[in-house]
PDB file of all heavy atoms in Angstrom:
ATOM      1  N   LYS A   1       0.830  -1.212   0.000  1.00  0.00           N
ATOM      2  CA  LYS A   1       0.000   0.000   0.000  1.00  0.00           C
ATOM      3  C   LYS A   1       0.861   1.258   0.000  1.00  0.00           C
ATOM      4  O   LYS A   1       0.556   2.231  -0.698  1.00  0.00           O
ATOM      5  CB  LYS A   1      -0.937  -0.001   1.209  1.00  0.00           C
ATOM      6  CG  LYS A   1      -2.013  -1.055   1.133  1.00  0.00           C
ATOM      7  CD  LYS A   1      -2.771  -1.164   2.452  1.00  0.00           C
ATOM      8  CE  LYS A   1      -3.737  -2.332   2.434  1.00  0.00           C
ATOM      9  NZ  LYS A   1      -4.384  -2.534   3.739  1.00  0.00           N
ATOM     10  N   ALA A   2       1.960   1.239   0.769  1.00  0.00           N
ATOM     11  CA  ALA A   2       2.864   2.391   0.794  1.00  0.00           C
ATOM     12  C   ALA A   2       3.522   2.585  -0.574  1.00  0.00           C
ATOM     13  O   ALA A   2       3.718   3.719  -1.018  1.00  0.00           O
ATOM     14  CB  ALA A   2       3.920   2.226   1.880  1.00  0.00           C
ATOM     15  N   ALA A   3       3.850   1.480  -1.254  1.00  0.00           N
ATOM     16  CA  ALA A   3       4.465   1.577  -2.580  1.00  0.00           C
ATOM     17  C   ALA A   3       3.489   2.142  -3.610  1.00  0.00           C
ATOM     18  O   ALA A   3       3.904   2.789  -4.574  1.00  0.00           O
ATOM     19  CB  ALA A   3       4.960   0.207  -3.027  1.00  0.00           C
ATOM     20  N   LEU A   4       2.201   1.919  -3.414  1.00  0.00           N
ATOM     21  CA  LEU A   4       1.185   2.405  -4.349  1.00  0.00           C
ATOM     22  C   LEU A   4       0.798   3.867  -4.113  1.00  0.00           C
ATOM     23  O   LEU A   4       0.153   4.478  -4.957  1.00  0.00           O
ATOM     24  CB  LEU A   4      -0.077   1.542  -4.258  1.00  0.00           C
ATOM     25  CG  LEU A   4       0.080   0.102  -4.736  1.00  0.00           C
ATOM     26  CD1 LEU A   4      -1.180  -0.692  -4.409  1.00  0.00           C
ATOM     27  CD2 LEU A   4       0.394   0.059  -6.216  1.00  0.00           C
ATOM     28  N   THR A   5       1.164   4.395  -2.971  1.00  0.00           N
ATOM     29  CA  THR A   5       0.815   5.784  -2.651  1.00  0.00           C
ATOM     30  C   THR A   5       2.104   6.613  -2.702  1.00  0.00           C
ATOM     31  O   THR A   5       2.845   6.527  -3.659  1.00  0.00           O
ATOM     32  CB  THR A   5       0.073   5.849  -1.312  1.00  0.00           C
ATOM     33  OG1 THR A   5       0.821   5.142  -0.311  1.00  0.00           O
ATOM     34  CG2 THR A   5      -1.310   5.236  -1.421  1.00  0.00           C
ATOM     35  N   GLN A   6       2.378   7.426  -1.702  1.00  0.00           N
ATOM     36  CA  GLN A   6       3.580   8.260  -1.741  1.00  0.00           C
ATOM     37  C   GLN A   6       4.128   8.490  -0.343  1.00  0.00           C
ATOM     38  O   GLN A   6       3.385   8.474   0.636  1.00  0.00           O
ATOM     39  CB  GLN A   6       3.279   9.595  -2.422  1.00  0.00           C
ATOM     40  CG  GLN A   6       2.122  10.332  -1.806  1.00  0.00           C
ATOM     41  CD  GLN A   6       1.500  11.332  -2.754  1.00  0.00           C
ATOM     42  OE1 GLN A   6       2.040  11.629  -3.787  1.00  0.00           O
ATOM     43  NE2 GLN A   6       0.350  11.861  -2.379  1.00  0.00           N
ATOM     44  N   THR A   7       5.434   8.688  -0.274  1.00  0.00           N
ATOM     45  CA  THR A   7       6.069   8.997   1.003  1.00  0.00           C
ATOM     46  C   THR A   7       6.599  10.428   1.033  1.00  0.00           C
ATOM     47  O   THR A   7       7.129  10.857   2.044  1.00  0.00           O
ATOM     48  CB  THR A   7       7.216   8.016   1.316  1.00  0.00           C
ATOM     49  OG1 THR A   7       8.151   8.045   0.234  1.00  0.00           O
ATOM     50  CG2 THR A   7       6.676   6.603   1.504  1.00  0.00           C
ATOM     51  N   SER A   8       6.458  11.171  -0.064  1.00  0.00           N
ATOM     52  CA  SER A   8       6.915  12.548  -0.122  1.00  0.00           C
ATOM     53  C   SER A   8       5.933  13.375  -0.947  1.00  0.00           C
ATOM     54  O   SER A   8       5.480  12.937  -2.001  1.00  0.00           O
ATOM     55  CB  SER A   8       8.308  12.601  -0.759  1.00  0.00           C
ATOM     56  OG  SER A   8       8.790  13.915  -0.781  1.00  0.00           O
ATOM     57  N   ILE A   9       5.641  14.577  -0.442  1.00  0.00           N
ATOM     58  CA  ILE A   9       4.722  15.490  -1.123  1.00  0.00           C
ATOM     59  C   ILE A   9       5.360  16.873  -1.143  1.00  0.00           C
ATOM     60  O   ILE A   9       5.864  17.342  -0.115  1.00  0.00           O
ATOM     61  CB  ILE A   9       3.359  15.568  -0.384  1.00  0.00           C
ATOM     62  CG1 ILE A   9       2.663  14.211  -0.382  1.00  0.00           C
ATOM     63  CG2 ILE A   9       2.465  16.633  -0.997  1.00  0.00           C
ATOM     64  CD1 ILE A   9       1.405  14.166   0.472  1.00  0.00           C
ATOM     65  N   GLY A  10       5.338  17.533  -2.288  1.00  0.00           N
ATOM     66  CA  GLY A  10       5.786  18.909  -2.399  1.00  0.00           C
ATOM     67  C   GLY A  10       4.591  19.845  -2.454  1.00  0.00           C
ATOM     68  O   GLY A  10       3.657  19.608  -3.219  1.00  0.00           O
ATOM     69  N   ILE A  11       4.626  20.893  -1.633  1.00  0.00           N
ATOM     70  CA  ILE A  11       3.513  21.845  -1.561  1.00  0.00           C
ATOM     71  C   ILE A  11       4.075  23.265  -1.685  1.00  0.00           C
ATOM     72  O   ILE A  11       4.943  23.655  -0.894  1.00  0.00           O
ATOM     73  CB  ILE A  11       2.745  21.711  -0.227  1.00  0.00           C
ATOM     74  CG1 ILE A  11       2.214  20.294  -0.068  1.00  0.00           C
ATOM     75  CG2 ILE A  11       1.612  22.729  -0.142  1.00  0.00           C
ATOM     76  CD1 ILE A  11       1.722  19.982   1.317  1.00  0.00           C
ATOM     77  N   PRO A  12       3.589  24.049  -2.640  1.00  0.00           N
ATOM     78  CA  PRO A  12       4.038  25.443  -2.730  1.00  0.00           C
ATOM     79  C   PRO A  12       3.592  26.233  -1.500  1.00  0.00           C
ATOM     80  O   PRO A  12       2.557  25.921  -0.883  1.00  0.00           O
ATOM     81  CB  PRO A  12       3.340  25.977  -3.976  1.00  0.00           C
ATOM     82  CG  PRO A  12       2.634  24.842  -4.601  1.00  0.00           C
ATOM     83  CD  PRO A  12       2.604  23.706  -3.652  1.00  0.00           C
ATOM     84  N   VAL A  13       4.381  27.237  -1.167  1.00  0.00           N
ATOM     85  CA  VAL A  13       4.043  28.156  -0.078  1.00  0.00           C
ATOM     86  C   VAL A  13       3.989  29.557  -0.670  1.00  0.00           C
ATOM     87  O   VAL A  13       4.903  29.977  -1.374  1.00  0.00           O
ATOM     88  CB  VAL A  13       5.083  28.080   1.060  1.00  0.00           C
ATOM     89  CG1 VAL A  13       4.872  29.202   2.072  1.00  0.00           C
ATOM     90  CG2 VAL A  13       5.022  26.715   1.731  1.00  0.00           C
ATOM     91  N   GLU A  14       2.891  30.247  -0.396  1.00  0.00           N
ATOM     92  CA  GLU A  14       2.700  31.617  -0.879  1.00  0.00           C
ATOM     93  C   GLU A  14       2.021  32.416   0.228  1.00  0.00           C
ATOM     94  O   GLU A  14       1.084  31.924   0.868  1.00  0.00           O
ATOM     95  CB  GLU A  14       1.830  31.608  -2.138  1.00  0.00           C
ATOM     96  CG  GLU A  14       1.612  32.971  -2.730  1.00  0.00           C
ATOM     97  CD  GLU A  14       0.764  32.901  -3.983  1.00  0.00           C
ATOM     98  OE1 GLU A  14      -0.295  32.215  -3.959  1.00  0.00           O
ATOM     99  OE2 GLU A  14       1.135  33.533  -4.968  1.00  0.00           O
ATOM    100  N   GLY A  15       2.492  33.610   0.461  1.00  0.00           N
ATOM    101  CA  GLY A  15       1.904  34.442   1.511  1.00  0.00           C
ATOM    102  C   GLY A  15       2.043  33.828   2.890  1.00  0.00           C
ATOM    103  O   GLY A  15       1.208  34.066   3.759  1.00  0.00           O
ATOM    104  N   GLY A  16       3.079  33.033   3.097  1.00  0.00           N
ATOM    105  CA  GLY A  16       3.310  32.416   4.397  1.00  0.00           C
ATOM    106  C   GLY A  16       2.366  31.281   4.727  1.00  0.00           C
ATOM    107  O   GLY A  16       2.243  30.900   5.889  1.00  0.00           O
ATOM    108  N   ARG A  17       1.702  30.731   3.686  1.00  0.00           N
ATOM    109  CA  ARG A  17       0.741  29.639   3.914  1.00  0.00           C
ATOM    110  C   ARG A  17       0.934  28.545   2.862  1.00  0.00           C
ATOM    111  O   ARG A  17       1.208  28.852   1.697  1.00  0.00           O
ATOM    112  CB  ARG A  17      -0.696  30.142   3.829  1.00  0.00           C
ATOM    113  CG  ARG A  17      -1.058  31.180   4.882  1.00  0.00           C
ATOM    114  CD  ARG A  17      -2.499  31.669   4.770  1.00  0.00           C
ATOM    115  NE  ARG A  17      -3.479  30.623   4.632  1.00  0.00           N
ATOM    116  CZ  ARG A  17      -4.071  29.963   5.640  1.00  0.00           C
ATOM    117  NH1 ARG A  17      -3.746  30.259   6.871  1.00  0.00           N
ATOM    118  NH2 ARG A  17      -4.973  29.049   5.402  1.00  0.00           N
ATOM    119  N   PRO A  18       0.736  27.292   3.243  1.00  0.00           N
ATOM    120  CA  PRO A  18       0.755  26.231   2.230  1.00  0.00           C
ATOM    121  C   PRO A  18      -0.375  26.455   1.234  1.00  0.00           C
ATOM    122  O   PRO A  18      -1.490  26.818   1.618  1.00  0.00           O
ATOM    123  CB  PRO A  18       0.500  24.949   3.023  1.00  0.00           C
ATOM    124  CG  PRO A  18       0.666  25.302   4.452  1.00  0.00           C
ATOM    125  CD  PRO A  18       0.464  26.775   4.578  1.00  0.00           C
ATOM    126  N   VAL A  19      -0.104  26.278  -0.045  1.00  0.00           N
ATOM    127  CA  VAL A  19      -1.113  26.491  -1.083  1.00  0.00           C
ATOM    128  C   VAL A  19      -1.879  25.181  -1.261  1.00  0.00           C
ATOM    129  O   VAL A  19      -1.506  24.326  -2.058  1.00  0.00           O
ATOM    130  CB  VAL A  19      -0.477  26.952  -2.416  1.00  0.00           C
ATOM    131  CG1 VAL A  19      -1.556  27.164  -3.469  1.00  0.00           C
ATOM    132  CG2 VAL A  19       0.333  28.228  -2.211  1.00  0.00           C
ATOM    133  N   LEU A  20      -2.928  25.038  -0.472  1.00  0.00           N
ATOM    134  CA  LEU A  20      -3.814  23.875  -0.542  1.00  0.00           C
ATOM    135  C   LEU A  20      -5.181  24.334  -1.025  1.00  0.00           C
ATOM    136  O   LEU A  20      -5.593  25.469  -0.764  1.00  0.00           O
ATOM    137  CB  LEU A  20      -3.957  23.200   0.828  1.00  0.00           C
ATOM    138  CG  LEU A  20      -2.695  22.536   1.377  1.00  0.00           C
ATOM    139  CD1 LEU A  20      -2.894  22.170   2.845  1.00  0.00           C
ATOM    140  CD2 LEU A  20      -2.332  21.310   0.560  1.00  0.00           C
ATOM    141  N   GLY A  21      -5.881  23.446  -1.715  1.00  0.00           N
ATOM    142  CA  GLY A  21      -7.232  23.747  -2.156  1.00  0.00           C
ATOM    143  C   GLY A  21      -8.188  23.832  -0.977  1.00  0.00           C
ATOM    144  O   GLY A  21      -7.884  23.386   0.137  1.00  0.00           O
ATOM    145  N   THR A  22      -9.361  24.355  -1.220  1.00  0.00           N
ATOM    146  CA  THR A  22     -10.359  24.576  -0.174  1.00  0.00           C
ATOM    147  C   THR A  22     -10.637  23.339   0.660  1.00  0.00           C
ATOM    148  O   THR A  22     -10.735  23.411   1.878  1.00  0.00           O
ATOM    149  CB  THR A  22     -11.685  25.066  -0.814  1.00  0.00           C
ATOM    150  OG1 THR A  22     -11.411  26.252  -1.550  1.00  0.00           O
ATOM    151  CG2 THR A  22     -12.737  25.330   0.244  1.00  0.00           C
ATOM    152  N   TRP A  23     -10.749  22.180   0.036  1.00  0.00           N
ATOM    153  CA  TRP A  23     -11.115  20.956   0.745  1.00  0.00           C
ATOM    154  C   TRP A  23      -9.948  19.983   0.893  1.00  0.00           C
ATOM    155  O   TRP A  23     -10.142  18.837   1.237  1.00  0.00           O
ATOM    156  CB  TRP A  23     -12.280  20.264   0.055  1.00  0.00           C
ATOM    157  CG  TRP A  23     -13.436  21.177  -0.173  1.00  0.00           C
ATOM    158  CD1 TRP A  23     -13.950  21.567  -1.373  1.00  0.00           C
ATOM    159  CD2 TRP A  23     -14.211  21.852   0.820  1.00  0.00           C
ATOM    160  NE1 TRP A  23     -14.986  22.440  -1.197  1.00  0.00           N
ATOM    161  CE2 TRP A  23     -15.176  22.638   0.151  1.00  0.00           C
ATOM    162  CE3 TRP A  23     -14.181  21.888   2.214  1.00  0.00           C
ATOM    163  CZ2 TRP A  23     -16.094  23.430   0.813  1.00  0.00           C
ATOM    164  CZ3 TRP A  23     -15.097  22.682   2.878  1.00  0.00           C
ATOM    165  CH2 TRP A  23     -16.044  23.433   2.182  1.00  0.00           C
ATOM    166  N   GLN A  24      -8.722  20.450   0.611  1.00  0.00           N
ATOM    167  CA  GLN A  24      -7.571  19.556   0.705  1.00  0.00           C
ATOM    168  C   GLN A  24      -6.985  19.546   2.102  1.00  0.00           C
ATOM    169  O   GLN A  24      -6.824  20.589   2.733  1.00  0.00           O
ATOM    170  CB  GLN A  24      -6.472  19.971  -0.285  1.00  0.00           C
ATOM    171  CG  GLN A  24      -6.791  19.646  -1.715  1.00  0.00           C
ATOM    172  CD  GLN A  24      -5.646  20.006  -2.637  1.00  0.00           C
ATOM    173  OE1 GLN A  24      -4.997  21.037  -2.476  1.00  0.00           O
ATOM    174  NE2 GLN A  24      -5.411  19.146  -3.611  1.00  0.00           N
ATOM    175  N   GLY A  25      -6.641  18.347   2.558  1.00  0.00           N
ATOM    176  CA  GLY A  25      -5.942  18.169   3.820  1.00  0.00           C
ATOM    177  C   GLY A  25      -4.789  17.207   3.632  1.00  0.00           C
ATOM    178  O   GLY A  25      -4.767  16.420   2.685  1.00  0.00           O
ATOM    179  N   LEU A  26      -3.840  17.265   4.549  1.00  0.00           N
ATOM    180  CA  LEU A  26      -2.702  16.354   4.548  1.00  0.00           C
ATOM    181  C   LEU A  26      -2.958  15.232   5.543  1.00  0.00           C
ATOM    182  O   LEU A  26      -3.348  15.494   6.692  1.00  0.00           O
ATOM    183  CB  LEU A  26      -1.429  17.098   4.937  1.00  0.00           C
ATOM    184  CG  LEU A  26      -0.936  18.085   3.905  1.00  0.00           C
ATOM    185  CD1 LEU A  26       0.052  19.058   4.521  1.00  0.00           C
ATOM    186  CD2 LEU A  26      -0.298  17.338   2.755  1.00  0.00           C
TER     187      LEU A  26
END
């Protein structure tokens, strides 16, 4: 299951905040 998903995620930061969509969570 770990091989099918991911162990690293890159997220842009703008205005001192992670740039996530309205309904996105980590």
